[in-house]
């Protein structure tokens, strides 16, 4: 028997699939066929996205230690409206409290 290689999906791909699931225009089965992943995997990624969404609106103290941020409105509009992958999103430089 040949050992099957495990697929590792990038965070950008997971976010793209989870956002498509949240949008609700297609069923989970349709999304699973489109992205070639299992329905349960889409459900897990969707739950992780919803669970971590509150962290986006966290305090400024947490945001300072995270590094550069990504403009999610740009990412969502590009990936959902134009079917462009999330890695094409433009990064915004993080402003320190003195610059704000």
Protein backbone atom coordinates (compact mmCIF):
# COMPACT_ATOMS: atom_id res chain seq x y z
CA UNK A 1 0.00 0.00 0.00
CA UNK A 2 1.14 3.49 -0.74
CA UNK A 3 1.10 6.03 2.03
CA UNK A 4 -1.16 8.95 1.17
CA UNK A 5 0.38 12.39 1.53
CA UNK A 6 -1.52 14.66 3.87
CA UNK A 7 -2.70 17.94 2.36
CA UNK A 8 -1.89 21.11 4.24
CA UNK A 9 -4.13 24.04 3.39
CA UNK A 10 -2.93 27.61 3.83
CA UNK A 11 -4.73 29.93 6.25
CA UNK A 12 -5.76 32.08 3.29
CA UNK A 13 -7.41 29.10 1.58
CA UNK A 14 -9.21 28.15 4.81
CA UNK A 15 -10.47 31.71 5.22
CA UNK A 16 -11.66 31.81 1.61
CA UNK A 17 -13.63 28.58 2.04
CA UNK A 18 -15.05 29.64 5.42
CA UNK A 19 -16.14 33.03 4.06
CA UNK A 20 -17.84 31.34 1.12
CA UNK A 21 -19.68 29.08 3.58
CA UNK A 22 -20.75 32.09 5.65
CA UNK A 23 -21.99 33.88 2.57
CA UNK A 24 -24.49 31.05 2.08
CA UNK A 25 -24.93 31.28 -1.67
CA UNK A 26 -23.97 27.62 -2.13
CA UNK A 27 -24.63 24.54 -0.04
CA UNK A 28 -21.82 22.89 1.89
CA UNK A 29 -21.87 19.99 -0.56
CA UNK A 30 -21.41 22.36 -3.50
CA UNK A 31 -18.56 24.14 -1.71
CA UNK A 32 -16.92 20.81 -0.85
CA UNK A 33 -16.96 19.84 -4.52
CA UNK A 34 -15.75 23.27 -5.64
CA UNK A 35 -12.81 23.43 -3.21
CA UNK A 36 -12.14 19.67 -3.11
CA UNK A 37 -12.41 19.34 0.68
CA UNK A 38 -14.76 17.40 2.96
CA UNK A 39 -17.99 18.97 4.22
CA UNK A 40 -16.91 18.41 7.84
CA UNK A 41 -13.71 20.35 7.17
CA UNK A 42 -15.69 23.32 5.86
CA UNK A 43 -17.90 23.20 8.95
CA UNK A 44 -14.83 23.22 11.22
CA UNK A 45 -13.21 26.13 9.40
CA UNK A 46 -16.48 28.09 9.49
CA UNK A 47 -16.76 27.52 13.26
CA UNK A 48 -13.14 28.59 13.77
CA UNK A 49 -13.75 31.76 11.77
CA UNK A 50 -16.83 32.64 13.79
CA UNK A 51 -15.06 31.85 17.06
CA UNK A 52 -12.06 34.01 16.18
CA UNK A 53 -14.05 36.88 14.68
CA UNK A 54 -14.43 38.61 18.05
CA UNK A 55 -10.64 38.83 18.26
CA UNK A 56 -10.62 41.15 15.26
CA UNK A 57 -12.34 43.77 17.38
CA UNK A 58 -10.09 43.22 20.44
CA UNK A 59 -8.20 45.83 22.38
CA UNK A 60 -5.35 47.88 20.91
CA UNK A 61 -2.91 46.23 23.32
CA UNK A 62 -3.43 42.88 21.60
CA UNK A 63 -3.22 44.39 18.10
CA UNK A 64 0.18 45.90 18.77
CA UNK A 65 1.83 42.54 19.24
CA UNK A 66 0.30 40.84 16.19
CA UNK A 67 2.42 42.48 13.47
CA UNK A 68 1.00 43.90 10.25
CA UNK A 69 -2.75 43.78 9.80
CA UNK A 70 -4.79 42.87 6.74
CA UNK A 71 -7.70 44.98 5.50
CA UNK A 72 -10.46 42.32 5.71
CA UNK A 73 -13.02 44.42 3.82
CA UNK A 74 -10.65 44.46 0.86
CA UNK A 75 -9.98 40.74 1.23
CA UNK A 76 -13.66 39.85 1.41
CA UNK A 77 -14.60 41.99 -1.57
CA UNK A 78 -11.77 40.58 -3.66
CA UNK A 79 -12.21 36.95 -2.71
CA UNK A 80 -16.00 36.78 -2.79
CA UNK A 81 -16.93 39.21 -5.53
CA UNK A 82 -14.02 38.67 -7.90
CA UNK A 83 -13.01 35.14 -6.85
CA UNK A 84 -9.49 36.35 -6.08
CA UNK A 85 -7.54 34.49 -3.39
CA UNK A 86 -6.90 36.15 -0.03
CA UNK A 87 -3.08 36.35 -0.41
CA UNK A 88 -3.57 39.16 -2.93
CA UNK A 89 -4.90 41.43 -0.20
CA UNK A 90 -2.83 44.48 0.47
CA UNK A 91 -1.28 44.73 3.91
CA UNK A 92 -1.64 47.92 5.88
CA UNK A 93 1.19 49.13 8.03
CA UNK A 94 0.26 49.18 11.66
CA UNK A 95 0.30 52.59 13.28
CA UNK A 96 1.78 53.02 16.71
CA UNK A 97 -0.25 55.00 19.27
CA UNK A 98 2.03 58.00 18.66
CA UNK A 99 1.23 58.07 14.93
CA UNK A 100 -2.51 57.68 15.34
